[in-house]
Protein backbone atom coordinates (compact mmCIF):
# COMPACT_ATOMS: atom_id res chain seq x y z
CA MET A 1 -23.71 -8.53 -2.01
CA LEU A 2 -23.68 -9.37 1.70
CA LYS A 3 -20.73 -11.72 1.22
CA LEU A 4 -18.73 -8.93 -0.42
CA ALA A 5 -19.57 -6.55 2.44
CA VAL A 6 -18.45 -9.10 5.03
CA GLU A 7 -15.23 -9.88 3.14
CA LEU A 8 -14.40 -6.18 2.78
CA SER A 9 -15.15 -5.52 6.46
CA MET A 10 -12.86 -8.35 7.54
CA HIS A 11 -10.20 -7.12 5.13
CA ALA A 12 -10.42 -3.63 6.63
CA ALA A 13 -10.04 -4.98 10.18
CA GLU A 14 -7.03 -7.10 9.20
CA TYR A 15 -5.55 -4.18 7.31
CA LEU A 16 -5.80 -1.97 10.42
CA HIS A 17 -3.97 -4.65 12.40
CA ALA A 18 -1.17 -4.68 9.82
CA ILE A 19 -0.96 -0.86 9.91
CA TRP A 20 -0.72 -0.95 13.71
CA LEU A 21 2.12 -3.49 13.57
CA ARG A 22 3.95 -1.46 10.93
CA ALA A 23 3.56 1.74 12.96
CA ALA A 24 4.97 -0.01 16.02
CA ARG A 25 7.98 -1.13 13.99
CA LEU A 26 8.50 2.36 12.58
CA GLY A 27 8.20 3.87 16.04
CA ALA A 28 10.80 1.47 17.45
CA GLY A 29 13.46 2.87 15.13
CA GLY A 30 16.69 1.15 14.19
CA ASP A 31 17.50 -0.91 11.12
CA VAL A 32 14.06 -2.52 11.06
CA ALA A 33 12.37 0.88 10.83
CA SER A 34 14.60 2.03 8.00
CA ASP A 35 13.59 -0.94 5.83
CA GLU A 36 9.88 -0.74 6.62
CA PRO A 37 8.84 2.15 4.28
CA ASN A 38 10.44 0.42 1.29
CA LEU A 39 8.73 -2.86 2.13
CA MET A 40 5.36 -1.12 2.44
CA ILE A 41 5.71 0.52 -0.97
CA VAL A 42 6.78 -2.71 -2.66
CA GLU A 43 3.90 -4.64 -1.08
CA LYS A 44 1.31 -2.00 -1.99
CA LEU A 45 2.47 -1.83 -5.61
CA ALA A 46 2.38 -5.62 -5.90
CA ALA A 47 -1.15 -5.71 -4.47
CA VAL A 48 -2.40 -2.99 -6.83
CA ARG A 49 -0.81 -4.75 -9.79
CA ALA A 50 -2.37 -8.10 -8.83
CA VAL A 51 -5.88 -6.76 -8.25
CA GLY A 52 -5.69 -4.56 -11.34
CA GLY A 53 -4.73 -7.58 -13.40
CA GLU A 54 -7.63 -9.57 -11.99
CA PHE A 55 -10.06 -6.79 -12.88
CA LEU A 56 -8.62 -6.49 -16.38
CA ILE A 57 -9.37 -10.14 -17.09
CA GLY A 58 -12.91 -9.64 -15.86
CA ALA A 59 -12.85 -11.01 -12.33
CA ALA A 60 -15.72 -10.06 -10.05
CA PRO A 61 -14.83 -7.99 -6.96
CA ILE A 62 -15.78 -10.85 -4.63
CA ALA A 63 -13.26 -13.07 -6.42
CA CYS A 64 -10.40 -10.66 -5.69
CA VAL A 65 -10.88 -10.14 -1.96
CA PRO A 66 -10.10 -13.63 -0.56
CA GLY A 67 -6.70 -13.74 -2.25
CA ARG A 68 -5.80 -10.32 -0.88
CA ARG A 69 -6.97 -11.37 2.59
CA ARG A 70 -4.75 -14.48 2.51
CA LYS A 71 -1.72 -12.36 1.68
CA LEU A 72 -2.67 -9.81 4.32
CA ARG A 73 -3.06 -12.48 7.03
CA ALA A 74 0.33 -13.93 6.09
CA ASN A 75 1.83 -10.46 6.35
CA VAL A 76 0.25 -9.90 9.78
CA ARG A 77 1.59 -13.27 10.99
CA HIS A 78 5.04 -12.37 9.69
CA LEU A 79 4.98 -8.94 11.35
CA SER A 80 3.67 -10.41 14.62
CA LYS A 81 6.49 -12.95 14.85
CA GLN A 82 9.27 -10.45 14.31
CA THR A 83 10.71 -8.93 17.43
CA LEU A 84 11.01 -5.19 17.81
CA PRO A 85 14.40 -3.75 18.69
């Protein structure tokens, strides 16, 4: 149970970092900002579909978190490398 709590806490911290980067991009305006809402929706739907599928086949919650965290960290790296207008 402790492992799940730690994983979820780390996921929440990484998620807040991604939200901050997205908000900065939206606040900067321009072409990048116009694409950002669509990207967020597509990413969220893909994540919900993936986790929902894992739960449907009987995966434990702790089995789902590390995969989501890997994707989230990759997203944060991608957002961090992109320059703002």
